[in-house]
Amino acid sequence: MIVVTSTFRSTPGNRARVTELAQSCIEATRREKGCIRYELFISTEDDVTLQFIEEWTDLGSLRAHIGSSHLAEFKEKRESCVEKGGVLKLFDAKETSL
């Protein structure tokens, strides 16, 4: 399983707008082959930080998502509402038990 965290900041006063713009992308992504989880979280510590947490069955599915039209559309629409320089991290995870 591939786990992705994508952390970014809205420009001041635009977090609600970015969250609104994300909804159609979230809905479309959750229907994609290989998508296990796709969630957008907002920070409780400030008014600008957002983070996607994603789980994918495999790297090929994630690559298809990265090339999807709905992700491209979301990125284009949010461009004026977010700061440059978000942080994207990918993890190769395996299930285990305690």
PDB file of N, CA and C in Angstrom:
ATOM      1  N   MET A   1       0.855  -1.179   0.000  1.00  0.00           N
ATOM      2  CA  MET A   1       0.000   0.000   0.000  1.00  0.00           C
ATOM      3  C   MET A   1       0.894   1.233   0.000  1.00  0.00           C
ATOM      4  N   ILE A   2       0.482   2.233  -0.738  1.00  0.00           N
ATOM      5  CA  ILE A   2       1.184   3.510  -0.801  1.00  0.00           C
ATOM      6  C   ILE A   2       0.376   4.524   0.016  1.00  0.00           C
ATOM      7  N   VAL A   3       1.039   5.208   0.927  1.00  0.00           N
ATOM      8  CA  VAL A   3       0.412   6.252   1.736  1.00  0.00           C
ATOM      9  C   VAL A   3       1.036   7.577   1.329  1.00  0.00           C
ATOM     10  N   VAL A   4       0.190   8.572   1.129  1.00  0.00           N
ATOM     11  CA  VAL A   4       0.644   9.901   0.701  1.00  0.00           C
ATOM     12  C   VAL A   4       0.124  10.931   1.682  1.00  0.00           C
ATOM     13  N   THR A   5       0.999  11.863   2.054  1.00  0.00           N
ATOM     14  CA  THR A   5       0.550  13.055   2.763  1.00  0.00           C
ATOM     15  C   THR A   5       0.933  14.249   1.906  1.00  0.00           C
ATOM     16  N   SER A   6      -0.004  15.135   1.727  1.00  0.00           N
ATOM     17  CA  SER A   6       0.215  16.349   0.952  1.00  0.00           C
ATOM     18  C   SER A   6      -0.227  17.532   1.805  1.00  0.00           C
ATOM     19  N   THR A   7       0.736  18.259   2.314  1.00  0.00           N
ATOM     20  CA  THR A   7       0.458  19.373   3.221  1.00  0.00           C
ATOM     21  C   THR A   7       0.706  20.688   2.487  1.00  0.00           C
ATOM     22  N   PHE A   8      -0.245  21.595   2.594  1.00  0.00           N
ATOM     23  CA  PHE A   8      -0.111  22.883   1.921  1.00  0.00           C
ATOM     24  C   PHE A   8      -0.867  23.934   2.710  1.00  0.00           C
ATOM     25  N   ARG A   9      -0.654  25.188   2.342  1.00  0.00           N
ATOM     26  CA  ARG A   9      -1.261  26.306   3.064  1.00  0.00           C
ATOM     27  C   ARG A   9      -2.073  27.159   2.106  1.00  0.00           C
ATOM     28  N   SER A  10      -3.270  27.500   2.551  1.00  0.00           N
ATOM     29  CA  SER A  10      -4.065  28.454   1.777  1.00  0.00           C
ATOM     30  C   SER A  10      -3.531  29.847   2.059  1.00  0.00           C
ATOM     31  N   THR A  11      -3.846  30.763   1.180  1.00  0.00           N
ATOM     32  CA  THR A  11      -3.531  32.152   1.485  1.00  0.00           C
ATOM     33  C   THR A  11      -4.541  32.605   2.548  1.00  0.00           C
ATOM     34  N   PRO A  12      -4.196  33.595   3.358  1.00  0.00           N
ATOM     35  CA  PRO A  12      -5.085  34.024   4.443  1.00  0.00           C
ATOM     36  C   PRO A  12      -6.515  34.304   3.947  1.00  0.00           C
ATOM     37  N   GLY A  13      -7.474  33.735   4.660  1.00  0.00           N
ATOM     38  CA  GLY A  13      -8.877  33.938   4.341  1.00  0.00           C
ATOM     39  C   GLY A  13      -9.431  33.024   3.265  1.00  0.00           C
ATOM     40  N   ASN A  14      -8.614  32.131   2.715  1.00  0.00           N
ATOM     41  CA  ASN A  14      -9.069  31.287   1.612  1.00  0.00           C
ATOM     42  C   ASN A  14      -9.192  29.798   1.931  1.00  0.00           C
ATOM     43  N   ARG A  15      -9.008  29.399   3.186  1.00  0.00           N
ATOM     44  CA  ARG A  15      -9.069  27.973   3.514  1.00  0.00           C
ATOM     45  C   ARG A  15     -10.440  27.384   3.188  1.00  0.00           C
ATOM     46  N   ALA A  16     -11.506  28.065   3.511  1.00  0.00           N
ATOM     47  CA  ALA A  16     -12.852  27.552   3.214  1.00  0.00           C
ATOM     48  C   ALA A  16     -13.058  27.430   1.706  1.00  0.00           C
ATOM     49  N   ARG A  17     -12.537  28.360   0.948  1.00  0.00           N
ATOM     50  CA  ARG A  17     -12.656  28.308  -0.516  1.00  0.00           C
ATOM     51  C   ARG A  17     -11.899  27.097  -1.078  1.00  0.00           C
ATOM     52  N   VAL A  18     -10.701  26.854  -0.599  1.00  0.00           N
ATOM     53  CA  VAL A  18      -9.922  25.699  -1.055  1.00  0.00           C
ATOM     54  C   VAL A  18     -10.655  24.412  -0.699  1.00  0.00           C
ATOM     55  N   THR A  19     -11.197  24.344   0.498  1.00  0.00           N
ATOM     56  CA  THR A  19     -11.948  23.164   0.924  1.00  0.00           C
ATOM     57  C   THR A  19     -13.152  22.938   0.015  1.00  0.00           C
ATOM     58  N   GLU A  20     -13.842  23.998  -0.332  1.00  0.00           N
ATOM     59  CA  GLU A  20     -14.989  23.917  -1.246  1.00  0.00           C
ATOM     60  C   GLU A  20     -14.552  23.438  -2.630  1.00  0.00           C
ATOM     61  N   LEU A  21     -13.463  23.998  -3.137  1.00  0.00           N
ATOM     62  CA  LEU A  21     -12.958  23.612  -4.455  1.00  0.00           C
ATOM     63  C   LEU A  21     -12.529  22.147  -4.489  1.00  0.00           C
ATOM     64  N   ALA A  22     -12.085  21.628  -3.362  1.00  0.00           N
ATOM     65  CA  ALA A  22     -11.586  20.251  -3.299  1.00  0.00           C
ATOM     66  C   ALA A  22     -12.686  19.202  -3.387  1.00  0.00           C
ATOM     67  N   GLN A  23     -13.914  19.553  -3.075  1.00  0.00           N
ATOM     68  CA  GLN A  23     -14.970  18.546  -2.935  1.00  0.00           C
ATOM     69  C   GLN A  23     -15.187  17.693  -4.183  1.00  0.00           C
ATOM     70  N   SER A  24     -15.239  18.292  -5.360  1.00  0.00           N
ATOM     71  CA  SER A  24     -15.472  17.491  -6.568  1.00  0.00           C
ATOM     72  C   SER A  24     -14.268  16.602  -6.861  1.00  0.00           C
ATOM     73  N   CYS A  25     -13.070  17.067  -6.566  1.00  0.00           N
ATOM     74  CA  CYS A  25     -11.871  16.244  -6.751  1.00  0.00           C
ATOM     75  C   CYS A  25     -11.887  15.060  -5.783  1.00  0.00           C
ATOM     76  N   ILE A  26     -12.266  15.310  -4.551  1.00  0.00           N
ATOM     77  CA  ILE A  26     -12.336  14.246  -3.549  1.00  0.00           C
ATOM     78  C   ILE A  26     -13.333  13.180  -3.990  1.00  0.00           C
ATOM     79  N   GLU A  27     -14.508  13.596  -4.406  1.00  0.00           N
ATOM     80  CA  GLU A  27     -15.535  12.639  -4.830  1.00  0.00           C
ATOM     81  C   GLU A  27     -15.068  11.805  -6.018  1.00  0.00           C
ATOM     82  N   ALA A  28     -14.459  12.445  -7.008  1.00  0.00           N
ATOM     83  CA  ALA A  28     -13.979  11.720  -8.191  1.00  0.00           C
ATOM     84  C   ALA A  28     -12.821  10.791  -7.828  1.00  0.00           C
ATOM     85  N   THR A  29     -11.928  11.238  -6.975  1.00  0.00           N
ATOM     86  CA  THR A  29     -10.768  10.432  -6.595  1.00  0.00           C
ATOM     87  C   THR A  29     -11.196   9.181  -5.852  1.00  0.00           C
ATOM     88  N   ARG A  30     -12.159   9.299  -4.971  1.00  0.00           N
ATOM     89  CA  ARG A  30     -12.618   8.133  -4.209  1.00  0.00           C
ATOM     90  C   ARG A  30     -13.205   7.043  -5.101  1.00  0.00           C
ATOM     91  N   ARG A  31     -13.583   7.382  -6.317  1.00  0.00           N
ATOM     92  CA  ARG A  31     -14.104   6.394  -7.265  1.00  0.00           C
ATOM     93  C   ARG A  31     -13.007   5.780  -8.138  1.00  0.00           C
ATOM     94  N   GLU A  32     -11.783   6.298  -8.018  1.00  0.00           N
ATOM     95  CA  GLU A  32     -10.685   5.808  -8.851  1.00  0.00           C
ATOM     96  C   GLU A  32     -10.254   4.402  -8.441  1.00  0.00           C
ATOM     97  N   LYS A  33      -9.828   3.632  -9.449  1.00  0.00           N
ATOM     98  CA  LYS A  33      -9.281   2.306  -9.197  1.00  0.00           C
ATOM     99  C   LYS A  33      -8.054   2.453  -8.298  1.00  0.00           C
ATOM    100  N   GLY A  34      -7.979   1.657  -7.259  1.00  0.00           N
ATOM    101  CA  GLY A  34      -6.823   1.653  -6.370  1.00  0.00           C
ATOM    102  C   GLY A  34      -6.881   2.622  -5.212  1.00  0.00           C
ATOM    103  N   CYS A  35      -7.891   3.487  -5.172  1.00  0.00           N
ATOM    104  CA  CYS A  35      -8.009   4.441  -4.059  1.00  0.00           C
ATOM    105  C   CYS A  35      -8.648   3.742  -2.864  1.00  0.00           C
ATOM    106  N   ILE A  36      -7.931   3.698  -1.773  1.00  0.00           N
ATOM    107  CA  ILE A  36      -8.450   3.124  -0.531  1.00  0.00           C
ATOM    108  C   ILE A  36      -9.022   4.235   0.347  1.00  0.00           C
ATOM    109  N   ARG A  37      -8.297   5.346   0.408  1.00  0.00           N
ATOM    110  CA  ARG A  37      -8.691   6.461   1.282  1.00  0.00           C
ATOM    111  C   ARG A  37      -8.184   7.757   0.664  1.00  0.00           C
ATOM    112  N   TYR A  38      -9.013   8.790   0.738  1.00  0.00           N
ATOM    113  CA  TYR A  38      -8.630  10.112   0.233  1.00  0.00           C
ATOM    114  C   TYR A  38      -9.371  11.140   1.074  1.00  0.00           C
ATOM    115  N   GLU A  39      -8.670  11.739   2.020  1.00  0.00           N
ATOM    116  CA  GLU A  39      -9.291  12.642   2.992  1.00  0.00           C
ATOM    117  C   GLU A  39      -8.563  13.975   3.025  1.00  0.00           C
ATOM    118  N   LEU A  40      -9.318  15.047   3.202  1.00  0.00           N
ATOM    119  CA  LEU A  40      -8.752  16.380   3.389  1.00  0.00           C
ATOM    120  C   LEU A  40      -8.996  16.802   4.830  1.00  0.00           C
ATOM    121  N   PHE A  41      -7.923  17.168   5.500  1.00  0.00           N
ATOM    122  CA  PHE A  41      -7.997  17.616   6.886  1.00  0.00           C
ATOM    123  C   PHE A  41      -7.599  19.075   6.970  1.00  0.00           C
ATOM    124  N   ILE A  42      -8.228  19.797   7.881  1.00  0.00           N
ATOM    125  CA  ILE A  42      -7.856  21.190   8.122  1.00  0.00           C
ATOM    126  C   ILE A  42      -7.234  21.289   9.510  1.00  0.00           C
ATOM    127  N   SER A  43      -6.249  22.135   9.630  1.00  0.00           N
ATOM    128  CA  SER A  43      -5.533  22.291  10.893  1.00  0.00           C
ATOM    129  C   SER A  43      -6.424  22.917  11.960  1.00  0.00           C
ATOM    130  N   THR A  44      -6.226  22.462  13.176  1.00  0.00           N
ATOM    131  CA  THR A  44      -6.893  23.103  14.313  1.00  0.00           C
ATOM    132  C   THR A  44      -5.951  24.105  14.976  1.00  0.00           C
ATOM    133  N   GLU A  45      -4.719  24.181  14.462  1.00  0.00           N
ATOM    134  CA  GLU A  45      -3.719  25.060  15.057  1.00  0.00           C
ATOM    135  C   GLU A  45      -3.596  26.408  14.358  1.00  0.00           C
ATOM    136  N   ASP A  46      -4.056  26.477  13.101  1.00  0.00           N
ATOM    137  CA  ASP A  46      -4.011  27.754  12.386  1.00  0.00           C
ATOM    138  C   ASP A  46      -5.140  27.775  11.353  1.00  0.00           C
ATOM    139  N   ASP A  47      -5.278  28.883  10.661  1.00  0.00           N
ATOM    140  CA  ASP A  47      -6.379  29.063   9.709  1.00  0.00           C
ATOM    141  C   ASP A  47      -5.984  28.863   8.256  1.00  0.00           C
ATOM    142  N   VAL A  48      -4.801  28.296   8.015  1.00  0.00           N
ATOM    143  CA  VAL A  48      -4.347  28.188   6.633  1.00  0.00           C
ATOM    144  C   VAL A  48      -3.855  26.794   6.213  1.00  0.00           C
ATOM    145  N   THR A  49      -3.502  25.946   7.150  1.00  0.00           N
ATOM    146  CA  THR A  49      -2.902  24.657   6.811  1.00  0.00           C
ATOM    147  C   THR A  49      -3.957  23.596   6.519  1.00  0.00           C
ATOM    148  N   LEU A  50      -3.726  22.866   5.417  1.00  0.00           N
ATOM    149  CA  LEU A  50      -4.578  21.748   5.017  1.00  0.00           C
ATOM    150  C   LEU A  50      -3.690  20.555   4.696  1.00  0.00           C
ATOM    151  N   GLN A  51      -4.253  19.357   4.784  1.00  0.00           N
ATOM    152  CA  GLN A  51      -3.475  18.165   4.463  1.00  0.00           C
ATOM    153  C   GLN A  51      -4.368  17.074   3.900  1.00  0.00           C
ATOM    154  N   PHE A  52      -3.956  16.553   2.752  1.00  0.00           N
ATOM    155  CA  PHE A  52      -4.580  15.352   2.215  1.00  0.00           C
ATOM    156  C   PHE A  52      -3.835  14.154   2.781  1.00  0.00           C
ATOM    157  N   ILE A  53      -4.578  13.146   3.192  1.00  0.00           N
ATOM    158  CA  ILE A  53      -4.003  11.856   3.536  1.00  0.00           C
ATOM    159  C   ILE A  53      -4.651  10.853   2.603  1.00  0.00           C
ATOM    160  N   GLU A  54      -3.800  10.133   1.876  1.00  0.00           N
ATOM    161  CA  GLU A  54      -4.262   9.228   0.838  1.00  0.00           C
ATOM    162  C   GLU A  54      -3.689   7.835   1.062  1.00  0.00           C
ATOM    163  N   GLU A  55      -4.465   6.818   0.702  1.00  0.00           N
ATOM    164  CA  GLU A  55      -3.980   5.448   0.685  1.00  0.00           C
ATOM    165  C   GLU A  55      -4.347   4.850  -0.664  1.00  0.00           C
ATOM    166  N   TRP A  56      -3.345   4.221  -1.303  1.00  0.00           N
ATOM    167  CA  TRP A  56      -3.507   3.634  -2.626  1.00  0.00           C
ATOM    168  C   TRP A  56      -3.036   2.186  -2.602  1.00  0.00           C
ATOM    169  N   THR A  57      -3.681   1.348  -3.375  1.00  0.00           N
ATOM    170  CA  THR A  57      -3.295  -0.058  -3.414  1.00  0.00           C
ATOM    171  C   THR A  57      -1.911  -0.252  -4.012  1.00  0.00           C
ATOM    172  N   ASP A  58      -1.533   0.622  -4.950  1.00  0.00           N
ATOM    173  CA  ASP A  58      -0.258   0.455  -5.650  1.00  0.00           C
ATOM    174  C   ASP A  58       0.180   1.777  -6.278  1.00  0.00           C
ATOM    175  N   LEU A  59       1.437   1.806  -6.663  1.00  0.00           N
ATOM    176  CA  LEU A  59       2.018   3.012  -7.240  1.00  0.00           C
ATOM    177  C   LEU A  59       1.392   3.367  -8.588  1.00  0.00           C
ATOM    178  N   GLY A  60       1.019   2.366  -9.373  1.00  0.00           N
ATOM    179  CA  GLY A  60       0.385   2.628 -10.668  1.00  0.00           C
ATOM    180  C   GLY A  60      -0.922   3.386 -10.513  1.00  0.00           C
ATOM    181  N   SER A  61      -1.714   3.016  -9.512  1.00  0.00           N
ATOM    182  CA  SER A  61      -2.979   3.722  -9.259  1.00  0.00           C
ATOM    183  C   SER A  61      -2.730   5.160  -8.846  1.00  0.00           C
ATOM    184  N   LEU A  62      -1.713   5.378  -8.021  1.00  0.00           N
ATOM    185  CA  LEU A  62      -1.367   6.743  -7.612  1.00  0.00           C
ATOM    186  C   LEU A  62      -0.913   7.556  -8.821  1.00  0.00           C
ATOM    187  N   ARG A  63      -0.111   6.956  -9.671  1.00  0.00           N
ATOM    188  CA  ARG A  63       0.348   7.673 -10.872  1.00  0.00           C
ATOM    189  C   ARG A  63      -0.828   8.047 -11.778  1.00  0.00           C
ATOM    190  N   ALA A  64      -1.799   7.143 -11.904  1.00  0.00           N
ATOM    191  CA  ALA A  64      -2.994   7.453 -12.703  1.00  0.00           C
ATOM    192  C   ALA A  64      -3.746   8.630 -12.083  1.00  0.00           C
ATOM    193  N   HIS A  65      -3.838   8.649 -10.763  1.00  0.00           N
ATOM    194  CA  HIS A  65      -4.505   9.764 -10.078  1.00  0.00           C
ATOM    195  C   HIS A  65      -3.777  11.079 -10.350  1.00  0.00           C
ATOM    196  N   ILE A  66      -2.456  11.047 -10.272  1.00  0.00           N
ATOM    197  CA  ILE A  66      -1.672  12.262 -10.494  1.00  0.00           C
ATOM    198  C   ILE A  66      -1.909  12.813 -11.908  1.00  0.00           C
ATOM    199  N   GLY A  67      -2.201  11.938 -12.849  1.00  0.00           N
ATOM    200  CA  GLY A  67      -2.473  12.372 -14.213  1.00  0.00           C
ATOM    201  C   GLY A  67      -3.938  12.612 -14.523  1.00  0.00           C
ATOM    202  N   SER A  68      -4.799  12.522 -13.514  1.00  0.00           N
ATOM    203  CA  SER A  68      -6.244  12.656 -13.740  1.00  0.00           C
ATOM    204  C   SER A  68      -6.662  14.093 -14.032  1.00  0.00           C
ATOM    205  N   SER A  69      -7.706  14.222 -14.804  1.00  0.00           N
ATOM    206  CA  SER A  69      -8.201  15.557 -15.150  1.00  0.00           C
ATOM    207  C   SER A  69      -8.812  16.266 -13.949  1.00  0.00           C
ATOM    208  N   HIS A  70      -9.450  15.516 -13.046  1.00  0.00           N
ATOM    209  CA  HIS A  70     -10.071  16.186 -11.886  1.00  0.00           C
ATOM    210  C   HIS A  70      -9.024  16.738 -10.920  1.00  0.00           C
ATOM    211  N   LEU A  71      -7.869  16.072 -10.797  1.00  0.00           N
ATOM    212  CA  LEU A  71      -6.807  16.633  -9.956  1.00  0.00           C
ATOM    213  C   LEU A  71      -6.205  17.870 -10.619  1.00  0.00           C
ATOM    214  N   ALA A  72      -5.985  17.802 -11.921  1.00  0.00           N
ATOM    215  CA  ALA A  72      -5.449  18.960 -12.647  1.00  0.00           C
ATOM    216  C   ALA A  72      -6.398  20.154 -12.535  1.00  0.00           C
ATOM    217  N   GLU A  73      -7.689  19.893 -12.656  1.00  0.00           N
ATOM    218  CA  GLU A  73      -8.682  20.969 -12.553  1.00  0.00           C
ATOM    219  C   GLU A  73      -8.674  21.587 -11.161  1.00  0.00           C
ATOM    220  N   PHE A  74      -8.599  20.753 -10.121  1.00  0.00           N
ATOM    221  CA  PHE A  74      -8.556  21.260  -8.755  1.00  0.00           C
ATOM    222  C   PHE A  74      -7.309  22.117  -8.538  1.00  0.00           C
ATOM    223  N   LYS A  75      -6.160  21.627  -8.992  1.00  0.00           N
ATOM    224  CA  LYS A  75      -4.919  22.389  -8.818  1.00  0.00           C
ATOM    225  C   LYS A  75      -4.990  23.738  -9.530  1.00  0.00           C
ATOM    226  N   GLU A  76      -5.584  23.750 -10.710  1.00  0.00           N
ATOM    227  CA  GLU A  76      -5.712  25.002 -11.458  1.00  0.00           C
ATOM    228  C   GLU A  76      -6.635  25.982 -10.731  1.00  0.00           C
ATOM    229  N   LYS A  77      -7.771  25.492 -10.252  1.00  0.00           N
ATOM    230  CA  LYS A  77      -8.741  26.368  -9.580  1.00  0.00           C
ATOM    231  C   LYS A  77      -8.211  26.918  -8.260  1.00  0.00           C
ATOM    232  N   ARG A  78      -7.409  26.131  -7.554  1.00  0.00           N
ATOM    233  CA  ARG A  78      -6.940  26.568  -6.232  1.00  0.00           C
ATOM    234  C   ARG A  78      -5.676  27.411  -6.305  1.00  0.00           C
ATOM    235  N   GLU A  79      -5.072  27.529  -7.474  1.00  0.00           N
ATOM    236  CA  GLU A  79      -3.763  28.164  -7.620  1.00  0.00           C
ATOM    237  C   GLU A  79      -3.687  29.538  -6.966  1.00  0.00           C
ATOM    238  N   SER A  80      -4.703  30.357  -7.139  1.00  0.00           N
ATOM    239  CA  SER A  80      -4.659  31.708  -6.576  1.00  0.00           C
ATOM    240  C   SER A  80      -5.011  31.734  -5.087  1.00  0.00           C
ATOM    241  N   CYS A  81      -5.390  30.586  -4.538  1.00  0.00           N
ATOM    242  CA  CYS A  81      -5.821  30.514  -3.139  1.00  0.00           C
ATOM    243  C   CYS A  81      -4.844  29.795  -2.223  1.00  0.00           C
ATOM    244  N   VAL A  82      -3.720  29.315  -2.777  1.00  0.00           N
ATOM    245  CA  VAL A  82      -2.748  28.584  -1.952  1.00  0.00           C
ATOM    246  C   VAL A  82      -1.354  29.156  -2.136  1.00  0.00           C
ATOM    247  N   GLU A  83      -0.548  29.001  -1.086  1.00  0.00           N
ATOM    248  CA  GLU A  83       0.848  29.414  -1.152  1.00  0.00           C
ATOM    249  C   GLU A  83       1.639  28.382  -1.948  1.00  0.00           C
ATOM    250  N   LYS A  84       2.729  28.803  -2.521  1.00  0.00           N
ATOM    251  CA  LYS A  84       3.644  27.889  -3.208  1.00  0.00           C
ATOM    252  C   LYS A  84       4.407  27.073  -2.171  1.00  0.00           C
ATOM    253  N   GLY A  85       4.876  25.905  -2.581  1.00  0.00           N
ATOM    254  CA  GLY A  85       5.784  25.151  -1.723  1.00  0.00           C
ATOM    255  C   GLY A  85       5.153  24.183  -0.753  1.00  0.00           C
ATOM    256  N   GLY A  86       4.128  23.478  -1.154  1.00  0.00           N
ATOM    257  CA  GLY A  86       3.574  22.439  -0.300  1.00  0.00           C
ATOM    258  C   GLY A  86       4.556  21.285  -0.140  1.00  0.00           C
ATOM    259  N   VAL A  87       4.264  20.367   0.787  1.00  0.00           N
ATOM    260  CA  VAL A  87       5.132  19.233   1.057  1.00  0.00           C
ATOM    261  C   VAL A  87       4.386  17.945   0.746  1.00  0.00           C
ATOM    262  N   LEU A  88       4.944  17.147  -0.166  1.00  0.00           N
ATOM    263  CA  LEU A  88       4.367  15.874  -0.563  1.00  0.00           C
ATOM    264  C   LEU A  88       5.291  14.763  -0.083  1.00  0.00           C
ATOM    265  N   LYS A  89       4.733  13.791   0.646  1.00  0.00           N
ATOM    266  CA  LYS A  89       5.521  12.656   1.124  1.00  0.00           C
ATOM    267  C   LYS A  89       4.811  11.370   0.719  1.00  0.00           C
ATOM    268  N   LEU A  90       5.595  10.409   0.237  1.00  0.00           N
ATOM    269  CA  LEU A  90       5.068   9.093  -0.146  1.00  0.00           C
ATOM    270  C   LEU A  90       5.730   8.039   0.722  1.00  0.00           C
ATOM    271  N   PHE A  91       4.906   7.067   1.157  1.00  0.00           N
ATOM    272  CA  PHE A  91       5.398   5.998   2.010  1.00  0.00           C
ATOM    273  C   PHE A  91       4.929   4.664   1.432  1.00  0.00           C
ATOM    274  N   ASP A  92       5.802   3.695   1.437  1.00  0.00           N
ATOM    275  CA  ASP A  92       5.441   2.335   1.049  1.00  0.00           C
ATOM    276  C   ASP A  92       5.155   1.608   2.358  1.00  0.00           C
ATOM    277  N   ALA A  93       3.888   1.292   2.592  1.00  0.00           N
ATOM    278  CA  ALA A  93       3.478   0.730   3.872  1.00  0.00           C
ATOM    279  C   ALA A  93       3.020  -0.713   3.717  1.00  0.00           C
ATOM    280  N   LYS A  94       3.196  -1.464   4.751  1.00  0.00           N
ATOM    281  CA  LYS A  94       2.664  -2.819   4.757  1.00  0.00           C
ATOM    282  C   LYS A  94       1.865  -3.017   6.034  1.00  0.00           C
ATOM    283  N   GLU A  95       0.835  -3.816   5.909  1.00  0.00           N
ATOM    284  CA  GLU A  95      -0.018  -4.080   7.067  1.00  0.00           C
ATOM    285  C   GLU A  95       0.688  -5.013   8.032  1.00  0.00           C
ATOM    286  N   THR A  96       0.517  -4.740   9.303  1.00  0.00           N
ATOM    287  CA  THR A  96       1.112  -5.576  10.333  1.00  0.00           C
ATOM    288  C   THR A  96       0.170  -5.607  11.530  1.00  0.00           C
ATOM    289  N   SER A  97       0.489  -6.356  12.518  1.00  0.00           N
ATOM    290  CA  SER A  97      -0.331  -6.389  13.727  1.00  0.00           C
ATOM    291  C   SER A  97       0.565  -6.236  14.938  1.00  0.00           C
ATOM    292  N   LEU A  98      -0.036  -5.860  16.044  1.00  0.00           N
ATOM    293  CA  LEU A  98       0.728  -5.657  17.283  1.00  0.00           C
ATOM    294  C   LEU A  98       0.790  -6.923  18.095  1.00  0.00           C
TER     295      LEU A  98
END
